[in-house]
Every structure is written in structure tokens, then in C-alpha cells.
Amino acid sequence: MEDVGEERLAGERYVVVRVIDGDTVELMGGDRLRLLAIDTPERGELFHDQAAELLEKIALGKKARIEYGDKRRDRYGRLLGFLYVEDTLFANQTIIDSGLACLFLFDDQDLKSHQIKELLVSQRQAIEEKRGLWGVEQKSEDFYVSVKNSFRFHRPGCTIVSGKKPESLRNIETKKEALFEGLSPCRTCHP
């Protein structure tokens, strides 16, 4: 793959040539794009195939443009961005709307950006209407835990929060409350 400057990448149009999974595509030229701020189920998990099929339906073979966040690439070399198919369809939001993804933020993302606000509204609607992931009943905890200033929430017994000082944690009454706030479920304890 030829190395091109990031400025050139920012202004180019792309064609999606392959869907890797529900939140990652391959672009013409060989770059992979990880859809920013969303997380879909992994291979073998419920709704993995449906998320990939939806992304394939809306994006495969179509012209697209990317709006980048603060970081252009992740540690795996993938581009990170919001994918707009045919310039108008916000793919990240379409997948969240369907209930096949949850909002997944990192410290460098801003809850005040217009894309994140749109994604959070879509997630809230999908939860209320019990679409996809949100229609599956799960064991509920009496409360959930989040490290202050973190975008993740955990089950109380999660190994990630077990060694933390109590003053660095905050309790959240319900999973719905955490999700409506924009927190993402921990990938270790799967609340």
C-alpha cells in the first residue's frame, strides 16, 4: 500500500470494497476504516452477523466520505472516522438506529460534537423501542459502577474496578441510566 499524506486522505472520496464486520470496512486502495464512536458485537456474539449485513447493505460498493475525529488512525493502523455513504447516509448512526451497536467513546472524544449527540439520541431511541441488542433481556444488577471521568460502566464485581479506590468510583442505578448518559458497557464484564 502506497503511503499518502494525511491531508490527502482527508479530502478524498472512497469506495467501500469489503465489510470486515459491523464497525469496520475496507476501502479501495487497501485502507481499513474503523467506524468511530460505535461498537458492534464481535464474531460469535448475538447480532454480529446482522450488524455486518446491515453495513454491507448500506455501504458495500458505494462512494463514501469520512469525517475524522481527533486521531486519524488507531494503534492497528486503521483509519478512524464517521462514514457518510453517498454523502448523506450517516452509516455509524444507521447501525446504532438499528440497535446493532452501542455508543463507544474514548477520552479524546467529545460528547458535545454534533455526531456524538446524534449517535446518543439514536441509541436512546433504539433502547426505548427495544431494537436489536436492546430487546434482549439480560440479568440486571442492583447497581452498576463507573470510574469517574470514564466512558465505561461495569458490573460491581468486575476485575477492572475491583482494585480502585472507592472515591474514584461512582454508582449508577440502572444500565439504562448509564447508556442514556453515553457510557459504554465494559468489554470484560459485559453488563
Protein backbone atom coordinates (compact mmCIF):
# COMPACT_ATOMS: atom_id res chain seq x y z
CA MET A 1 0.00 0.00 0.00
CA GLU A 2 1.38 3.38 -1.00
CA ASP A 3 1.88 5.81 1.86
CA VAL A 4 -0.04 9.02 1.24
CA GLY A 5 -0.12 12.12 3.38
CA GLU A 6 -2.95 12.51 5.88
CA GLU A 7 -4.00 15.81 4.28
CA ARG A 8 -4.63 14.00 1.02
CA LEU A 9 -6.63 11.29 2.80
CA ALA A 10 -8.89 13.84 4.47
CA GLY A 11 -10.15 15.29 1.19
CA GLU A 12 -10.56 12.14 -0.86
CA ARG A 13 -13.66 10.17 -1.66
CA TYR A 14 -13.60 6.46 -1.08
CA VAL A 15 -15.39 3.34 -2.21
CA VAL A 16 -16.17 0.64 0.34
CA VAL A 17 -14.90 -2.62 -1.19
CA ARG A 18 -15.37 -5.02 1.75
CA VAL A 19 -17.16 -5.18 5.07
CA ILE A 20 -14.99 -6.76 7.77
CA ASP A 21 -17.65 -6.67 10.49
CA GLY A 22 -20.35 -4.32 11.74
CA ASP A 23 -17.97 -1.46 12.51
CA THR A 24 -15.01 -1.96 10.14
CA VAL A 25 -14.74 -1.71 6.35
CA GLU A 26 -12.01 -1.92 3.77
CA LEU A 27 -11.69 0.96 1.32
CA MET A 28 -10.50 0.92 -2.26
CA GLY A 29 -6.73 1.24 -2.02
CA GLY A 30 -6.45 -1.12 0.94
CA ASP A 31 -7.02 1.11 3.97
CA ARG A 32 -9.35 -0.14 6.66
CA LEU A 33 -11.77 2.21 8.39
CA ARG A 34 -12.99 1.62 11.95
CA LEU A 35 -16.28 3.43 12.40
CA LEU A 36 -15.73 5.94 15.15
CA ALA A 37 -17.75 6.01 18.38
CA ILE A 38 -19.67 2.75 17.86
CA ASP A 39 -19.11 -0.85 18.86
CA THR A 40 -20.89 -3.82 17.31
CA PRO A 41 -20.92 -7.40 18.60
CA GLU A 42 -17.81 -9.48 17.95
CA ARG A 43 -17.76 -12.67 15.88
CA GLY A 44 -19.69 -15.39 17.69
CA GLU A 45 -21.80 -12.89 19.67
CA LEU A 46 -25.51 -12.31 19.17
CA PHE A 47 -26.22 -9.79 16.36
CA HIS A 48 -22.68 -9.87 14.92
CA ASP A 49 -23.87 -11.16 11.54
CA GLN A 50 -26.82 -8.78 11.37
CA ALA A 51 -24.60 -5.75 12.04
CA ALA A 52 -22.15 -6.81 9.31
CA GLU A 53 -25.02 -7.50 6.89
CA LEU A 54 -26.55 -4.07 7.54
CA LEU A 55 -23.24 -2.30 6.94
CA GLU A 56 -22.76 -4.33 3.77
CA LYS A 57 -26.25 -3.42 2.56
CA ILE A 58 -25.80 0.31 3.08
CA ALA A 59 -22.12 0.76 2.16
CA LEU A 60 -20.62 -2.02 0.02
CA GLY A 61 -19.59 -0.79 -3.43
CA LYS A 62 -20.77 2.73 -2.69
CA LYS A 63 -18.94 6.03 -2.68
CA ALA A 64 -18.28 7.37 0.76
CA ARG A 65 -16.64 10.20 2.62
CA ILE A 66 -15.05 10.17 6.02
CA GLU A 67 -15.11 12.78 8.75
CA TYR A 68 -12.24 12.17 11.14
CA GLY A 69 -12.05 12.61 14.88
CA ASP A 70 -9.02 13.90 16.75
CA LYS A 71 -6.97 10.84 15.84
CA ARG A 72 -6.81 9.69 12.23
CA ARG A 73 -5.54 6.18 12.95
CA ASP A 74 -5.73 3.66 15.76
CA ARG A 75 -2.88 1.52 17.08
CA TYR A 76 -3.64 -1.08 14.38
CA GLY A 77 -3.17 1.45 11.58
CA ARG A 78 -6.88 1.64 10.73
CA LEU A 79 -8.44 4.97 9.81
CA LEU A 80 -10.92 6.22 12.43
CA GLY A 81 -13.93 8.19 11.30
CA PHE A 82 -17.58 8.80 10.75
CA LEU A 83 -18.65 7.19 7.46
CA TYR A 84 -21.07 9.01 5.18
CA VAL A 85 -22.31 6.88 2.29
CA GLU A 86 -23.23 8.73 -0.91
CA ASP A 87 -22.57 11.90 1.21
CA THR A 88 -25.90 11.76 3.05
CA LEU A 89 -26.32 8.46 4.91
CA PHE A 90 -24.52 8.55 8.26
CA ALA A 91 -23.54 4.85 8.49
CA ASN A 92 -22.44 4.99 12.14
CA GLN A 93 -25.87 6.32 13.09
CA THR A 94 -27.77 3.85 10.90
CA ILE A 95 -26.17 0.95 12.77
CA ILE A 96 -26.94 2.50 16.16
CA ASP A 97 -30.53 3.26 15.00
CA SER A 98 -31.00 -0.43 14.24
CA GLY A 99 -29.95 -1.44 17.75
CA LEU A 100 -26.99 -3.39 16.37
CA ALA A 101 -24.31 -1.23 18.03
CA CYS A 102 -23.77 0.79 21.15
CA LEU A 103 -22.04 4.10 21.58
CA PHE A 104 -18.36 3.54 22.39
CA LEU A 105 -16.32 6.61 23.30
CA PHE A 106 -12.75 7.24 24.35
CA ASP A 107 -11.19 10.08 26.33
CA ASP A 108 -10.34 12.09 23.23
CA GLN A 109 -13.95 12.21 22.03
CA ASP A 110 -16.34 14.99 22.85
CA LEU A 111 -19.92 14.38 23.97
CA LYS A 112 -20.68 17.85 22.62
CA SER A 113 -19.74 17.13 18.98
CA HIS A 114 -22.73 17.02 16.66
CA GLN A 115 -22.02 13.44 15.55
CA ILE A 116 -21.80 12.12 19.11
CA LYS A 117 -25.00 13.96 20.04
CA GLU A 118 -26.78 12.36 17.06
CA LEU A 119 -25.47 8.92 18.00
CA LEU A 120 -26.57 9.30 21.61
CA VAL A 121 -30.09 10.35 20.57
CA SER A 122 -30.26 7.34 18.23
CA GLN A 123 -29.08 4.99 20.96
CA ARG A 124 -31.69 6.31 23.38
CA GLN A 125 -34.43 5.76 20.79
CA ALA A 126 -33.21 2.23 19.99
CA ILE A 127 -33.18 1.39 23.71
CA GLU A 128 -36.69 2.80 24.25
CA GLU A 129 -38.01 0.83 21.28
CA LYS A 130 -36.04 -2.30 22.29
CA ARG A 131 -34.44 -2.71 18.88
CA GLY A 132 -31.72 -5.32 18.33
CA LEU A 133 -29.37 -5.61 21.32
CA TRP A 134 -31.76 -3.66 23.49
CA GLY A 135 -34.58 -6.17 23.05
CA VAL A 136 -32.60 -8.99 24.67
CA GLU A 137 -33.27 -9.45 28.37
CA GLN A 138 -30.11 -9.64 30.49
CA LYS A 139 -29.50 -10.26 34.15
CA SER A 140 -29.73 -6.93 35.90
CA GLU A 141 -27.51 -5.84 38.77
CA ASP A 142 -28.69 -3.88 41.80
CA PHE A 143 -26.40 -1.08 40.58
CA TYR A 144 -23.50 -0.51 38.18
CA VAL A 145 -20.13 1.17 38.67
CA SER A 146 -18.13 3.66 36.65
CA VAL A 147 -14.72 5.15 37.25
CA LYS A 148 -15.20 8.90 37.49
CA ASN A 149 -14.45 10.65 34.16
CA SER A 150 -14.56 7.33 32.28
CA PHE A 151 -16.82 6.37 29.38
CA ARG A 152 -17.29 2.75 30.63
CA PHE A 153 -19.63 1.19 33.13
CA HIS A 154 -19.18 -2.15 34.87
CA ARG A 155 -20.86 -4.78 36.97
CA PRO A 156 -19.90 -4.22 40.65
CA GLY A 157 -17.65 -7.31 40.73
CA CYS A 158 -15.74 -6.53 37.51
CA THR A 159 -11.98 -7.07 37.79
CA ILE A 160 -11.35 -3.72 36.12
CA VAL A 161 -12.88 -1.78 39.01
CA SER A 162 -12.18 -4.20 41.89
CA GLY A 163 -8.86 -2.59 42.88
CA LYS A 164 -9.99 1.02 42.50
CA LYS A 165 -10.33 3.34 45.47
CA PRO A 166 -13.99 3.88 46.39
CA GLU A 167 -13.67 7.66 45.98
CA SER A 168 -12.66 7.18 42.33
CA LEU A 169 -15.88 5.27 41.59
CA ARG A 170 -19.47 6.28 41.24
CA ASN A 171 -22.56 4.11 41.38
CA ILE A 172 -25.18 4.17 38.65
CA GLU A 173 -28.64 2.84 39.45
CA THR A 174 -29.54 1.19 36.13
CA LYS A 175 -27.96 0.04 32.91
CA LYS A 176 -30.39 2.27 31.02
CA GLU A 177 -29.22 5.31 33.01
CA ALA A 178 -25.59 4.54 32.10
CA LEU A 179 -26.40 4.07 28.41
CA PHE A 180 -28.54 7.22 28.25
CA GLU A 181 -25.60 9.14 29.73
CA GLY A 182 -23.35 7.91 26.91
CA LEU A 183 -21.38 5.34 28.89
CA SER A 184 -20.44 2.10 27.14
CA PRO A 185 -20.62 -1.41 28.58
CA CYS A 186 -17.31 -2.88 29.72
CA ARG A 187 -15.92 -5.48 27.32
CA THR A 188 -14.74 -7.62 30.26
CA CYS A 189 -17.85 -7.98 32.44
CA HIS A 190 -20.48 -7.29 29.72
CA PRO A 191 -23.07 -5.52 31.89
